């Protein structure tokens, strides 16, 4: 999932995303390009493309197994003032669950 937040997102944040999209990761070298869609307080993502007001947003990339909370994520702060493209950081730079060893 990719989600955009209208504030400086941190793990454990409780406010909803303003936009996002979900996809299924189908390979180790998976990539996807998508326009973000409007989202509501219940995390329901509409078919409507999100039009962002100018400002700074947190764009967060999440990976999780189906029906589980995300354990892997990366956040990119992005300034919006027109059309932009946000790219996830390299996988080795994502936050991962700590090893139990």
C-alpha atoms as a PDB file:
ATOM      1  CA  UNK A   1       0.000   0.000   0.000  1.00  0.00           C
ATOM      2  CA  UNK A   2       1.021   3.577  -0.612  1.00  0.00           C
ATOM      3  CA  UNK A   3      -0.616   6.264   1.512  1.00  0.00           C
ATOM      4  CA  UNK A   4      -0.275  10.051   1.629  1.00  0.00           C
ATOM      5  CA  UNK A   5      -0.734  11.917   4.901  1.00  0.00           C
ATOM      6  CA  UNK A   6      -1.311  15.669   5.267  1.00  0.00           C
ATOM      7  CA  UNK A   7       1.030  15.773   8.283  1.00  0.00           C
ATOM      8  CA  UNK A   8       4.479  14.510   9.308  1.00  0.00           C
ATOM      9  CA  UNK A   9       3.609  10.807   9.639  1.00  0.00           C
ATOM     10  CA  UNK A  10       5.311   8.669  12.284  1.00  0.00           C
ATOM     11  CA  UNK A  11       4.774   4.975  13.192  1.00  0.00           C
ATOM     12  CA  UNK A  12       1.766   4.713  15.482  1.00  0.00           C
ATOM     13  CA  UNK A  13       0.058   7.798  14.018  1.00  0.00           C
ATOM     14  CA  UNK A  14      -3.708   7.628  14.339  1.00  0.00           C
ATOM     15  CA  UNK A  15      -4.893  10.172  11.746  1.00  0.00           C
ATOM     16  CA  UNK A  16      -6.077   8.768   8.422  1.00  0.00           C
ATOM     17  CA  UNK A  17      -4.390   9.062   5.075  1.00  0.00           C
ATOM     18  CA  UNK A  18      -5.853  11.542   2.590  1.00  0.00           C
ATOM     19  CA  UNK A  19      -5.026   9.334  -0.404  1.00  0.00           C
ATOM     20  CA  UNK A  20      -3.570   6.003  -1.339  1.00  0.00           C
ATOM     21  CA  UNK A  21      -3.699   2.833  -3.352  1.00  0.00           C
ATOM     22  CA  UNK A  22      -3.259  -0.888  -2.756  1.00  0.00           C
ATOM     23  CA  UNK A  23      -1.604  -3.454  -4.966  1.00  0.00           C
ATOM     24  CA  UNK A  24      -0.393  -7.039  -4.758  1.00  0.00           C
ATOM     25  CA  UNK A  25       3.375  -7.588  -4.762  1.00  0.00           C
ATOM     26  CA  UNK A  26       3.961 -10.326  -7.300  1.00  0.00           C
ATOM     27  CA  UNK A  27       7.767 -10.657  -7.542  1.00  0.00           C
ATOM     28  CA  UNK A  28      11.021  -9.792  -5.784  1.00  0.00           C
ATOM     29  CA  UNK A  29      11.716  -6.946  -8.212  1.00  0.00           C
ATOM     30  CA  UNK A  30       8.134  -5.675  -8.090  1.00  0.00           C
ATOM     31  CA  UNK A  31       7.352  -2.140  -9.196  1.00  0.00           C
ATOM     32  CA  UNK A  32       4.116  -0.282  -9.700  1.00  0.00           C
ATOM     33  CA  UNK A  33       3.112   3.149 -10.906  1.00  0.00           C
ATOM     34  CA  UNK A  34      -0.249   4.529  -9.874  1.00  0.00           C
ATOM     35  CA  UNK A  35      -2.055   7.806  -9.312  1.00  0.00           C
ATOM     36  CA  UNK A  36      -3.190   8.127  -5.699  1.00  0.00           C
ATOM     37  CA  UNK A  37      -6.920   8.032  -5.015  1.00  0.00           C
ATOM     38  CA  UNK A  38      -8.898   9.825  -2.305  1.00  0.00           C
ATOM     39  CA  UNK A  39      -9.166   7.963   1.011  1.00  0.00           C
ATOM     40  CA  UNK A  40     -11.550   8.350   3.945  1.00  0.00           C
ATOM     41  CA  UNK A  41     -11.245   7.918   7.729  1.00  0.00           C
ATOM     42  CA  UNK A  42     -11.937   4.163   7.425  1.00  0.00           C
ATOM     43  CA  UNK A  43      -9.061   3.754   4.919  1.00  0.00           C
ATOM     44  CA  UNK A  44     -11.513   3.093   2.093  1.00  0.00           C
ATOM     45  CA  UNK A  45      -9.896   4.154  -1.171  1.00  0.00           C
ATOM     46  CA  UNK A  46     -12.230   5.600  -3.793  1.00  0.00           C
ATOM     47  CA  UNK A  47     -12.016   5.504  -7.574  1.00  0.00           C
ATOM     48  CA  UNK A  48     -11.607   9.302  -7.522  1.00  0.00           C
ATOM     49  CA  UNK A  49      -8.084  10.565  -8.235  1.00  0.00           C
ATOM     50  CA  UNK A  50      -6.843  12.724  -5.386  1.00  0.00           C
ATOM     51  CA  UNK A  51      -6.087  16.363  -6.203  1.00  0.00           C
ATOM     52  CA  UNK A  52      -3.658  17.647  -3.582  1.00  0.00           C
ATOM     53  CA  UNK A  53      -3.537  21.187  -2.299  1.00  0.00           C
ATOM     54  CA  UNK A  54      -0.011  22.656  -2.388  1.00  0.00           C
ATOM     55  CA  UNK A  55       1.921  21.687   0.726  1.00  0.00           C
ATOM     56  CA  UNK A  56       4.131  19.058   2.308  1.00  0.00           C
ATOM     57  CA  UNK A  57       2.904  15.482   2.617  1.00  0.00           C
ATOM     58  CA  UNK A  58       4.277  12.241   4.015  1.00  0.00           C
ATOM     59  CA  UNK A  59       4.097   9.509   1.387  1.00  0.00           C
ATOM     60  CA  UNK A  60       4.412   6.145   3.115  1.00  0.00           C
ATOM     61  CA  UNK A  61       5.042   2.830   1.379  1.00  0.00           C
ATOM     62  CA  UNK A  62       3.836  -0.226   3.359  1.00  0.00           C
ATOM     63  CA  UNK A  63       4.265  -3.966   2.745  1.00  0.00           C
ATOM     64  CA  UNK A  64       2.224  -6.556   4.647  1.00  0.00           C
ATOM     65  CA  UNK A  65       0.896 -10.069   4.291  1.00  0.00           C
ATOM     66  CA  UNK A  66      -2.858 -10.167   3.526  1.00  0.00           C
ATOM     67  CA  UNK A  67      -5.030  -9.405   6.577  1.00  0.00           C
ATOM     68  CA  UNK A  68      -1.986  -8.414   8.681  1.00  0.00           C
ATOM     69  CA  UNK A  69      -0.693  -5.040   9.816  1.00  0.00           C
ATOM     70  CA  UNK A  70       2.285  -3.675   7.869  1.00  0.00           C
ATOM     71  CA  UNK A  71       5.700  -4.666   9.166  1.00  0.00           C
ATOM     72  CA  UNK A  72       7.821  -3.017   6.462  1.00  0.00           C
ATOM     73  CA  UNK A  73       7.581   0.659   5.579  1.00  0.00           C
ATOM     74  CA  UNK A  74       9.408   3.661   4.147  1.00  0.00           C
ATOM     75  CA  UNK A  75       8.395   7.313   4.367  1.00  0.00           C
ATOM     76  CA  UNK A  76       9.235  10.113   1.932  1.00  0.00           C
ATOM     77  CA  UNK A  77       8.399  13.763   2.674  1.00  0.00           C
ATOM     78  CA  UNK A  78       7.204  15.405  -0.539  1.00  0.00           C
ATOM     79  CA  UNK A  79       6.439  18.993  -1.455  1.00  0.00           C
ATOM     80  CA  UNK A  80       3.393  19.263  -3.736  1.00  0.00           C
ATOM     81  CA  UNK A  81       2.947  22.249  -6.018  1.00  0.00           C
ATOM     82  CA  UNK A  82       1.666  20.682  -9.227  1.00  0.00           C
ATOM     83  CA  UNK A  83       2.202  17.183 -10.629  1.00  0.00           C
ATOM     84  CA  UNK A  84       4.943  15.195  -8.891  1.00  0.00           C
ATOM     85  CA  UNK A  85       6.252  11.639  -8.827  1.00  0.00           C
ATOM     86  CA  UNK A  86       7.337  10.025  -5.575  1.00  0.00           C
ATOM     87  CA  UNK A  87       9.538   6.932  -5.648  1.00  0.00           C
ATOM     88  CA  UNK A  88      10.029   4.505  -2.771  1.00  0.00           C
ATOM     89  CA  UNK A  89      13.544   4.277  -1.355  1.00  0.00           C
ATOM     90  CA  UNK A  90      15.643   1.203  -2.103  1.00  0.00           C
ATOM     91  CA  UNK A  91      14.376  -1.861  -0.175  1.00  0.00           C
ATOM     92  CA  UNK A  92      17.452  -1.954   2.104  1.00  0.00           C
ATOM     93  CA  UNK A  93      16.446   1.494   3.427  1.00  0.00           C
ATOM     94  CA  UNK A  94      12.973   0.407   4.580  1.00  0.00           C
ATOM     95  CA  UNK A  95      12.144  -0.097   8.264  1.00  0.00           C
ATOM     96  CA  UNK A  96      11.832  -3.797   9.084  1.00  0.00           C
ATOM     97  CA  UNK A  97      10.721  -5.760  12.126  1.00  0.00           C
ATOM     98  CA  UNK A  98      13.547  -6.468  14.525  1.00  0.00           C
ATOM     99  CA  UNK A  99      14.975  -9.964  14.457  1.00  0.00           C
ATOM    100  CA  UNK A 100      14.126 -12.137  17.462  1.00  0.00           C
ATOM    101  CA  UNK A 101      17.690 -13.544  17.577  1.00  0.00           C
END
